């Protein structure tokens, strides 16, 4: 059975529309399921401004409906997947608002650090979706660690987190490459190795900064102590810069 959203028998008058070419201003006719169309006037390949990924963010058959996606639309699709991961993380932690808040703050800093890294020209291999999803799920092993071992020690989190994350991402239809990378990050996110990916480094720095901010509220450290941590412990120049701004020059 064809997906109703892609079956033209279910389309109405809005399924075919015109939009201006962003390069020359000529009219381009789109069908609702077009990813892109070439302008008949100047030849520019324009993206469909109304394409909606809705179910495509999690449906395993999305590629059969939409085909190969341009990078801009693929990024949008991955962004929708990240939003669904956030929902599942909150559902999993239920009333544990402390951990939900922590994961949310880490994701927010992942975005800030990642964007600064790209601006500095050091984020060539940075994937915002992978790093953001890893941020939402990095502590997902805590519940099982505490249930099995009555401990949230890093070694238990590292062991218990990947299976839970894998189940969530597989249920949402994430591609296998993303699942493996996110699980790899979660499986040692407290313990950086000699040669880490940019996505790992951004997540590590964001998590470290959130932990430092939380500790500052409980038992403030001196500016000198914080300065030493910032200079020695962050894995990216962007992470250290954001940390200086938030910890040393608030």
C-alpha atoms as a PDB file:
ATOM      1  CA  UNK A   1       0.000   0.000   0.000  1.00  0.00           C
ATOM      2  CA  UNK A   2       1.331   3.428  -0.979  1.00  0.00           C
ATOM      3  CA  UNK A   3       1.677   6.060   1.726  1.00  0.00           C
ATOM      4  CA  UNK A   4      -1.449   8.269   1.459  1.00  0.00           C
ATOM      5  CA  UNK A   5       0.646  11.403   1.752  1.00  0.00           C
ATOM      6  CA  UNK A   6       2.492  10.448  -1.439  1.00  0.00           C
ATOM      7  CA  UNK A   7      -0.465   8.931  -3.317  1.00  0.00           C
ATOM      8  CA  UNK A   8      -1.781  11.512  -5.812  1.00  0.00           C
ATOM      9  CA  UNK A   9      -5.316  10.138  -5.455  1.00  0.00           C
ATOM     10  CA  UNK A  10      -5.471  11.856  -2.063  1.00  0.00           C
ATOM     11  CA  UNK A  11      -4.079  15.206  -3.238  1.00  0.00           C
ATOM     12  CA  UNK A  12      -6.113  18.412  -3.391  1.00  0.00           C
ATOM     13  CA  UNK A  13      -5.640  21.653  -5.290  1.00  0.00           C
ATOM     14  CA  UNK A  14      -2.732  22.708  -3.083  1.00  0.00           C
ATOM     15  CA  UNK A  15      -0.679  19.713  -4.233  1.00  0.00           C
ATOM     16  CA  UNK A  16       0.556  21.684  -7.268  1.00  0.00           C
ATOM     17  CA  UNK A  17       1.794  25.225  -6.744  1.00  0.00           C
ATOM     18  CA  UNK A  18       4.150  27.860  -8.108  1.00  0.00           C
ATOM     19  CA  UNK A  19       6.958  29.670  -6.332  1.00  0.00           C
ATOM     20  CA  UNK A  20       9.533  32.235  -7.433  1.00  0.00           C
ATOM     21  CA  UNK A  21      13.017  31.092  -8.365  1.00  0.00           C
ATOM     22  CA  UNK A  22      15.358  32.364  -5.603  1.00  0.00           C
ATOM     23  CA  UNK A  23      17.951  33.257  -8.249  1.00  0.00           C
ATOM     24  CA  UNK A  24      16.086  34.945 -11.104  1.00  0.00           C
ATOM     25  CA  UNK A  25      12.516  35.355  -9.832  1.00  0.00           C
ATOM     26  CA  UNK A  26      10.858  33.323 -12.593  1.00  0.00           C
ATOM     27  CA  UNK A  27       7.946  31.052 -11.677  1.00  0.00           C
ATOM     28  CA  UNK A  28       8.735  27.391 -10.920  1.00  0.00           C
ATOM     29  CA  UNK A  29       5.939  24.824 -10.732  1.00  0.00           C
ATOM     30  CA  UNK A  30       6.219  22.243  -7.943  1.00  0.00           C
ATOM     31  CA  UNK A  31       4.306  19.101  -7.087  1.00  0.00           C
ATOM     32  CA  UNK A  32       4.065  18.573  -3.319  1.00  0.00           C
ATOM     33  CA  UNK A  33       6.353  15.511  -3.404  1.00  0.00           C
ATOM     34  CA  UNK A  34       9.149  17.155  -5.415  1.00  0.00           C
ATOM     35  CA  UNK A  35      12.420  17.543  -3.523  1.00  0.00           C
ATOM     36  CA  UNK A  36      13.641  20.124  -6.015  1.00  0.00           C
ATOM     37  CA  UNK A  37      13.031  21.425  -9.531  1.00  0.00           C
ATOM     38  CA  UNK A  38      15.184  23.186 -12.115  1.00  0.00           C
ATOM     39  CA  UNK A  39      14.181  26.692 -13.092  1.00  0.00           C
ATOM     40  CA  UNK A  40      13.198  26.776 -16.759  1.00  0.00           C
ATOM     41  CA  UNK A  41      14.518  30.308 -17.072  1.00  0.00           C
ATOM     42  CA  UNK A  42      17.986  30.264 -15.487  1.00  0.00           C
ATOM     43  CA  UNK A  43      18.567  26.570 -14.778  1.00  0.00           C
ATOM     44  CA  UNK A  44      18.943  27.053 -11.009  1.00  0.00           C
ATOM     45  CA  UNK A  45      18.025  23.942  -8.973  1.00  0.00           C
ATOM     46  CA  UNK A  46      15.545  25.171  -6.366  1.00  0.00           C
ATOM     47  CA  UNK A  47      14.447  23.273  -3.254  1.00  0.00           C
ATOM     48  CA  UNK A  48      10.745  22.696  -2.638  1.00  0.00           C
ATOM     49  CA  UNK A  49       9.847  25.344  -0.011  1.00  0.00           C
ATOM     50  CA  UNK A  50       6.782  23.429   1.177  1.00  0.00           C
ATOM     51  CA  UNK A  51       8.120  19.906   1.499  1.00  0.00           C
ATOM     52  CA  UNK A  52       7.047  18.391   4.814  1.00  0.00           C
ATOM     53  CA  UNK A  53       8.987  15.572   6.429  1.00  0.00           C
ATOM     54  CA  UNK A  54       6.527  14.757   9.244  1.00  0.00           C
ATOM     55  CA  UNK A  55       6.573  10.956   9.273  1.00  0.00           C
ATOM     56  CA  UNK A  56       9.769  10.882   7.180  1.00  0.00           C
ATOM     57  CA  UNK A  57      11.731  11.785  10.313  1.00  0.00           C
ATOM     58  CA  UNK A  58      11.092   8.309  11.670  1.00  0.00           C
ATOM     59  CA  UNK A  59       9.536   6.141   8.925  1.00  0.00           C
ATOM     60  CA  UNK A  60      11.985   3.437   7.723  1.00  0.00           C
ATOM     61  CA  UNK A  61      10.446   3.605   4.228  1.00  0.00           C
ATOM     62  CA  UNK A  62      10.891   7.366   3.812  1.00  0.00           C
ATOM     63  CA  UNK A  63      13.600   6.953   1.188  1.00  0.00           C
ATOM     64  CA  UNK A  64      11.178   4.959  -0.979  1.00  0.00           C
ATOM     65  CA  UNK A  65       8.714   7.871  -0.850  1.00  0.00           C
ATOM     66  CA  UNK A  66      11.132  10.767  -1.158  1.00  0.00           C
ATOM     67  CA  UNK A  67      14.217   9.303  -2.797  1.00  0.00           C
ATOM     68  CA  UNK A  68      17.697  10.707  -2.197  1.00  0.00           C
ATOM     69  CA  UNK A  69      17.442  13.951  -0.266  1.00  0.00           C
ATOM     70  CA  UNK A  70      19.497  17.105  -0.891  1.00  0.00           C
ATOM     71  CA  UNK A  71      21.832  17.957   2.034  1.00  0.00           C
ATOM     72  CA  UNK A  72      19.650  20.869   3.161  1.00  0.00           C
ATOM     73  CA  UNK A  73      16.558  18.695   3.412  1.00  0.00           C
ATOM     74  CA  UNK A  74      18.467  15.796   4.956  1.00  0.00           C
ATOM     75  CA  UNK A  75      19.589  18.173   7.729  1.00  0.00           C
ATOM     76  CA  UNK A  76      15.949  19.162   8.288  1.00  0.00           C
ATOM     77  CA  UNK A  77      14.932  15.514   8.487  1.00  0.00           C
ATOM     78  CA  UNK A  78      17.679  14.796  11.020  1.00  0.00           C
ATOM     79  CA  UNK A  79      16.555  17.802  13.037  1.00  0.00           C
ATOM     80  CA  UNK A  80      13.061  16.347  13.271  1.00  0.00           C
ATOM     81  CA  UNK A  81      14.543  13.046  14.433  1.00  0.00           C
ATOM     82  CA  UNK A  82      16.434  14.899  17.177  1.00  0.00           C
ATOM     83  CA  UNK A  83      13.171  16.451  18.371  1.00  0.00           C
ATOM     84  CA  UNK A  84      11.580  12.996  18.604  1.00  0.00           C
ATOM     85  CA  UNK A  85      14.595  11.693  20.532  1.00  0.00           C
ATOM     86  CA  UNK A  86      14.114  14.539  23.029  1.00  0.00           C
ATOM     87  CA  UNK A  87      10.510  13.439  23.536  1.00  0.00           C
ATOM     88  CA  UNK A  88      11.525   9.813  24.074  1.00  0.00           C
ATOM     89  CA  UNK A  89      14.267  10.841  26.525  1.00  0.00           C
ATOM     90  CA  UNK A  90      11.731  12.783  28.600  1.00  0.00           C
ATOM     91  CA  UNK A  91       9.301   9.867  28.464  1.00  0.00           C
ATOM     92  CA  UNK A  92      12.044   7.458  29.572  1.00  0.00           C
ATOM     93  CA  UNK A  93      13.138   9.563  32.553  1.00  0.00           C
ATOM     94  CA  UNK A  94       9.478  10.326  33.423  1.00  0.00           C
ATOM     95  CA  UNK A  95       9.466  12.431  36.618  1.00  0.00           C
ATOM     96  CA  UNK A  96      13.253  12.603  36.948  1.00  0.00           C
ATOM     97  CA  UNK A  97      13.316  16.294  36.104  1.00  0.00           C
ATOM     98  CA  UNK A  98      16.908  16.714  37.249  1.00  0.00           C
ATOM     99  CA  UNK A  99      18.191  14.391  34.532  1.00  0.00           C
ATOM    100  CA  UNK A 100      15.811  15.731  31.921  1.00  0.00           C
ATOM    101  CA  UNK A 101      17.035  19.237  32.703  1.00  0.00           C
ATOM    102  CA  UNK A 102      20.667  18.153  32.570  1.00  0.00           C
ATOM    103  CA  UNK A 103      20.276  16.485  29.164  1.00  0.00           C
ATOM    104  CA  UNK A 104      18.416  19.498  27.799  1.00  0.00           C
ATOM    105  CA  UNK A 105      21.121  21.912  28.967  1.00  0.00           C
ATOM    106  CA  UNK A 106      23.847  19.708  27.466  1.00  0.00           C
ATOM    107  CA  UNK A 107      22.031  19.662  24.114  1.00  0.00           C
ATOM    108  CA  UNK A 108      21.726  23.459  24.203  1.00  0.00           C
ATOM    109  CA  UNK A 109      25.479  23.822  24.800  1.00  0.00           C
ATOM    110  CA  UNK A 110      26.282  21.225  22.138  1.00  0.00           C
ATOM    111  CA  UNK A 111      24.517  23.484  19.665  1.00  0.00           C
ATOM    112  CA  UNK A 112      26.345  26.597  20.883  1.00  0.00           C
ATOM    113  CA  UNK A 113      29.781  24.964  20.891  1.00  0.00           C
ATOM    114  CA  UNK A 114      29.192  23.225  17.559  1.00  0.00           C
ATOM    115  CA  UNK A 115      28.120  26.419  15.817  1.00  0.00           C
ATOM    116  CA  UNK A 116      31.169  28.268  17.158  1.00  0.00           C
ATOM    117  CA  UNK A 117      33.409  25.405  16.033  1.00  0.00           C
ATOM    118  CA  UNK A 118      32.034  25.681  12.498  1.00  0.00           C
ATOM    119  CA  UNK A 119      32.529  29.470  12.528  1.00  0.00           C
ATOM    120  CA  UNK A 120      36.163  28.940  13.530  1.00  0.00           C
ATOM    121  CA  UNK A 121      36.685  26.541  10.617  1.00  0.00           C
ATOM    122  CA  UNK A 122      37.269  23.508  12.856  1.00  0.00           C
ATOM    123  CA  UNK A 123      33.928  21.756  12.388  1.00  0.00           C
ATOM    124  CA  UNK A 124      34.338  20.095   9.001  1.00  0.00           C
ATOM    125  CA  UNK A 125      33.223  16.690  10.337  1.00  0.00           C
ATOM    126  CA  UNK A 126      30.723  18.030  12.859  1.00  0.00           C
ATOM    127  CA  UNK A 127      27.198  16.618  12.545  1.00  0.00           C
ATOM    128  CA  UNK A 128      24.695  18.634  14.624  1.00  0.00           C
ATOM    129  CA  UNK A 129      22.130  15.838  14.583  1.00  0.00           C
ATOM    130  CA  UNK A 130      24.540  13.163  15.861  1.00  0.00           C
ATOM    131  CA  UNK A 131      25.993  15.413  18.563  1.00  0.00           C
ATOM    132  CA  UNK A 132      22.557  16.704  19.603  1.00  0.00           C
ATOM    133  CA  UNK A 133      21.025  13.240  19.798  1.00  0.00           C
ATOM    134  CA  UNK A 134      24.045  12.013  21.782  1.00  0.00           C
ATOM    135  CA  UNK A 135      23.484  14.949  24.153  1.00  0.00           C
ATOM    136  CA  UNK A 136      19.878  13.972  24.809  1.00  0.00           C
ATOM    137  CA  UNK A 137      20.847  10.312  25.352  1.00  0.00           C
ATOM    138  CA  UNK A 138      24.319  10.510  26.911  1.00  0.00           C
ATOM    139  CA  UNK A 139      23.087   9.679  30.450  1.00  0.00           C
ATOM    140  CA  UNK A 140      20.317   7.324  29.355  1.00  0.00           C
ATOM    141  CA  UNK A 141      22.078   4.386  31.064  1.00  0.00           C
ATOM    142  CA  UNK A 142      21.711   5.879  34.557  1.00  0.00           C
ATOM    143  CA  UNK A 143      18.359   4.247  35.332  1.00  0.00           C
ATOM    144  CA  UNK A 144      19.586   0.748  34.532  1.00  0.00           C
ATOM    145  CA  UNK A 145      22.917   1.382  36.275  1.00  0.00           C
ATOM    146  CA  UNK A 146      21.139   2.400  39.465  1.00  0.00           C
ATOM    147  CA  UNK A 147      18.665  -0.464  39.208  1.00  0.00           C
ATOM    148  CA  UNK A 148      21.334  -3.126  38.685  1.00  0.00           C
ATOM    149  CA  UNK A 149      24.258  -1.748  40.660  1.00  0.00           C
ATOM    150  CA  UNK A 150      22.748   0.945  42.919  1.00  0.00           C
ATOM    151  CA  UNK A 151      25.335   3.235  41.353  1.00  0.00           C
ATOM    152  CA  UNK A 152      25.529   5.833  38.594  1.00  0.00           C
ATOM    153  CA  UNK A 153      29.302   5.445  38.244  1.00  0.00           C
ATOM    154  CA  UNK A 154      30.601   6.131  34.718  1.00  0.00           C
ATOM    155  CA  UNK A 155      31.593   2.517  34.051  1.00  0.00           C
ATOM    156  CA  UNK A 156      28.024   1.360  34.709  1.00  0.00           C
ATOM    157  CA  UNK A 157      26.534   4.162  32.615  1.00  0.00           C
ATOM    158  CA  UNK A 158      28.869   3.311  29.758  1.00  0.00           C
ATOM    159  CA  UNK A 159      27.747  -0.324  29.844  1.00  0.00           C
ATOM    160  CA  UNK A 160      24.022   0.213  30.261  1.00  0.00           C
ATOM    161  CA  UNK A 161      23.509   3.308  28.085  1.00  0.00           C
ATOM    162  CA  UNK A 162      24.106   2.015  24.545  1.00  0.00           C
ATOM    163  CA  UNK A 163      21.442  -0.763  24.600  1.00  0.00           C
ATOM    164  CA  UNK A 164      18.771   1.694  25.773  1.00  0.00           C
ATOM    165  CA  UNK A 165      19.839   4.314  23.232  1.00  0.00           C
ATOM    166  CA  UNK A 166      19.928   1.708  20.457  1.00  0.00           C
ATOM    167  CA  UNK A 167      16.378   0.611  21.242  1.00  0.00           C
ATOM    168  CA  UNK A 168      15.099   4.199  21.179  1.00  0.00           C
ATOM    169  CA  UNK A 169      16.860   5.114  17.934  1.00  0.00           C
ATOM    170  CA  UNK A 170      15.910   1.875  16.190  1.00  0.00           C
ATOM    171  CA  UNK A 171      12.259   2.372  17.127  1.00  0.00           C
ATOM    172  CA  UNK A 172      12.416   5.876  15.637  1.00  0.00           C
ATOM    173  CA  UNK A 173      13.928   4.569  12.400  1.00  0.00           C
ATOM    174  CA  UNK A 174      17.353   6.214  12.653  1.00  0.00           C
ATOM    175  CA  UNK A 175      19.833   5.017  10.057  1.00  0.00           C
ATOM    176  CA  UNK A 176      22.331   2.417  11.213  1.00  0.00           C
ATOM    177  CA  UNK A 177      25.370   4.666  10.866  1.00  0.00           C
ATOM    178  CA  UNK A 178      23.862   7.253  13.186  1.00  0.00           C
ATOM    179  CA  UNK A 179      22.802   4.590  15.687  1.00  0.00           C
ATOM    180  CA  UNK A 180      26.318   3.161  15.840  1.00  0.00           C
ATOM    181  CA  UNK A 181      28.029   6.536  16.237  1.00  0.00           C
ATOM    182  CA  UNK A 182      25.660   7.749  18.949  1.00  0.00           C
ATOM    183  CA  UNK A 183      26.019   4.476  20.874  1.00  0.00           C
ATOM    184  CA  UNK A 184      29.799   4.631  20.530  1.00  0.00           C
ATOM    185  CA  UNK A 185      29.823   8.128  22.037  1.00  0.00           C
ATOM    186  CA  UNK A 186      27.479   7.177  24.881  1.00  0.00           C
ATOM    187  CA  UNK A 187      29.553   4.084  25.639  1.00  0.00           C
ATOM    188  CA  UNK A 188      32.574   6.114  26.810  1.00  0.00           C
ATOM    189  CA  UNK A 189      31.346   9.709  27.059  1.00  0.00           C
ATOM    190  CA  UNK A 190      33.142  10.311  30.381  1.00  0.00           C
ATOM    191  CA  UNK A 191      36.442   8.877  29.118  1.00  0.00           C
ATOM    192  CA  UNK A 192      37.947  10.549  26.040  1.00  0.00           C
ATOM    193  CA  UNK A 193      40.475   8.560  24.057  1.00  0.00           C
ATOM    194  CA  UNK A 194      43.515   9.737  22.139  1.00  0.00           C
ATOM    195  CA  UNK A 195      41.729  10.098  18.805  1.00  0.00           C
ATOM    196  CA  UNK A 196      38.090  11.168  19.119  1.00  0.00           C
ATOM    197  CA  UNK A 197      35.555  12.405  16.568  1.00  0.00           C
ATOM    198  CA  UNK A 198      34.484  16.037  16.513  1.00  0.00           C
ATOM    199  CA  UNK A 199      30.982  14.956  17.550  1.00  0.00           C
ATOM    200  CA  UNK A 200      32.368  13.222  20.646  1.00  0.00           C
ATOM    201  CA  UNK A 201      34.507  16.243  21.566  1.00  0.00           C
ATOM    202  CA  UNK A 202      31.592  18.664  21.305  1.00  0.00           C
ATOM    203  CA  UNK A 203      29.383  16.432  23.473  1.00  0.00           C
ATOM    204  CA  UNK A 204      32.184  15.922  26.014  1.00  0.00           C
ATOM    205  CA  UNK A 205      32.841  19.650  26.317  1.00  0.00           C
ATOM    206  CA  UNK A 206      29.135  20.491  26.661  1.00  0.00           C
ATOM    207  CA  UNK A 207      28.619  17.825  29.336  1.00  0.00           C
ATOM    208  CA  UNK A 208      31.734  18.952  31.217  1.00  0.00           C
ATOM    209  CA  UNK A 209      30.580  22.566  31.191  1.00  0.00           C
ATOM    210  CA  UNK A 210      27.083  21.722  32.423  1.00  0.00           C
ATOM    211  CA  UNK A 211      28.579  19.591  35.222  1.00  0.00           C
ATOM    212  CA  UNK A 212      30.848  22.473  36.233  1.00  0.00           C
ATOM    213  CA  UNK A 213      27.919  24.909  36.245  1.00  0.00           C
ATOM    214  CA  UNK A 214      25.893  22.539  38.406  1.00  0.00           C
ATOM    215  CA  UNK A 215      28.775  22.083  40.847  1.00  0.00           C
ATOM    216  CA  UNK A 216      29.258  25.846  41.052  1.00  0.00           C
ATOM    217  CA  UNK A 217      25.709  26.206  42.321  1.00  0.00           C
ATOM    218  CA  UNK A 218      26.264  23.556  45.000  1.00  0.00           C
ATOM    219  CA  UNK A 219      29.819  24.386  46.100  1.00  0.00           C
ATOM    220  CA  UNK A 220      31.460  27.297  44.272  1.00  0.00           C
ATOM    221  CA  UNK A 221      35.123  26.977  43.281  1.00  0.00           C
ATOM    222  CA  UNK A 222      37.594  29.832  42.974  1.00  0.00           C
ATOM    223  CA  UNK A 223      38.112  31.588  39.670  1.00  0.00           C
ATOM    224  CA  UNK A 224      41.694  30.333  39.561  1.00  0.00           C
ATOM    225  CA  UNK A 225      40.599  26.712  39.971  1.00  0.00           C
ATOM    226  CA  UNK A 226      38.012  27.120  37.213  1.00  0.00           C
ATOM    227  CA  UNK A 227      40.580  28.769  34.962  1.00  0.00           C
ATOM    228  CA  UNK A 228      42.889  25.757  35.268  1.00  0.00           C
ATOM    229  CA  UNK A 229      40.050  23.382  34.385  1.00  0.00           C
ATOM    230  CA  UNK A 230      39.097  25.451  31.365  1.00  0.00           C
ATOM    231  CA  UNK A 231      42.677  25.562  30.098  1.00  0.00           C
ATOM    232  CA  UNK A 232      43.404  21.862  30.618  1.00  0.00           C
ATOM    233  CA  UNK A 233      40.211  19.845  30.339  1.00  0.00           C
ATOM    234  CA  UNK A 234      38.224  20.927  27.302  1.00  0.00           C
ATOM    235  CA  UNK A 235      38.781  19.099  24.023  1.00  0.00           C
ATOM    236  CA  UNK A 236      37.888  21.903  21.604  1.00  0.00           C
ATOM    237  CA  UNK A 237      38.889  25.547  21.429  1.00  0.00           C
ATOM    238  CA  UNK A 238      35.201  26.418  21.015  1.00  0.00           C
ATOM    239  CA  UNK A 239      34.281  24.500  24.176  1.00  0.00           C
ATOM    240  CA  UNK A 240      36.983  26.301  26.159  1.00  0.00           C
ATOM    241  CA  UNK A 241      35.841  29.673  24.799  1.00  0.00           C
ATOM    242  CA  UNK A 242      32.220  29.067  25.772  1.00  0.00           C
ATOM    243  CA  UNK A 243      33.367  27.841  29.199  1.00  0.00           C
ATOM    244  CA  UNK A 244      35.395  31.019  29.787  1.00  0.00           C
ATOM    245  CA  UNK A 245      32.399  33.132  28.933  1.00  0.00           C
ATOM    246  CA  UNK A 246      30.009  31.241  31.207  1.00  0.00           C
ATOM    247  CA  UNK A 247      32.306  30.398  34.126  1.00  0.00           C
ATOM    248  CA  UNK A 248      34.880  33.180  34.245  1.00  0.00           C
ATOM    249  CA  UNK A 249      33.019  36.116  32.693  1.00  0.00           C
ATOM    250  CA  UNK A 250      29.335  35.487  33.422  1.00  0.00           C
END
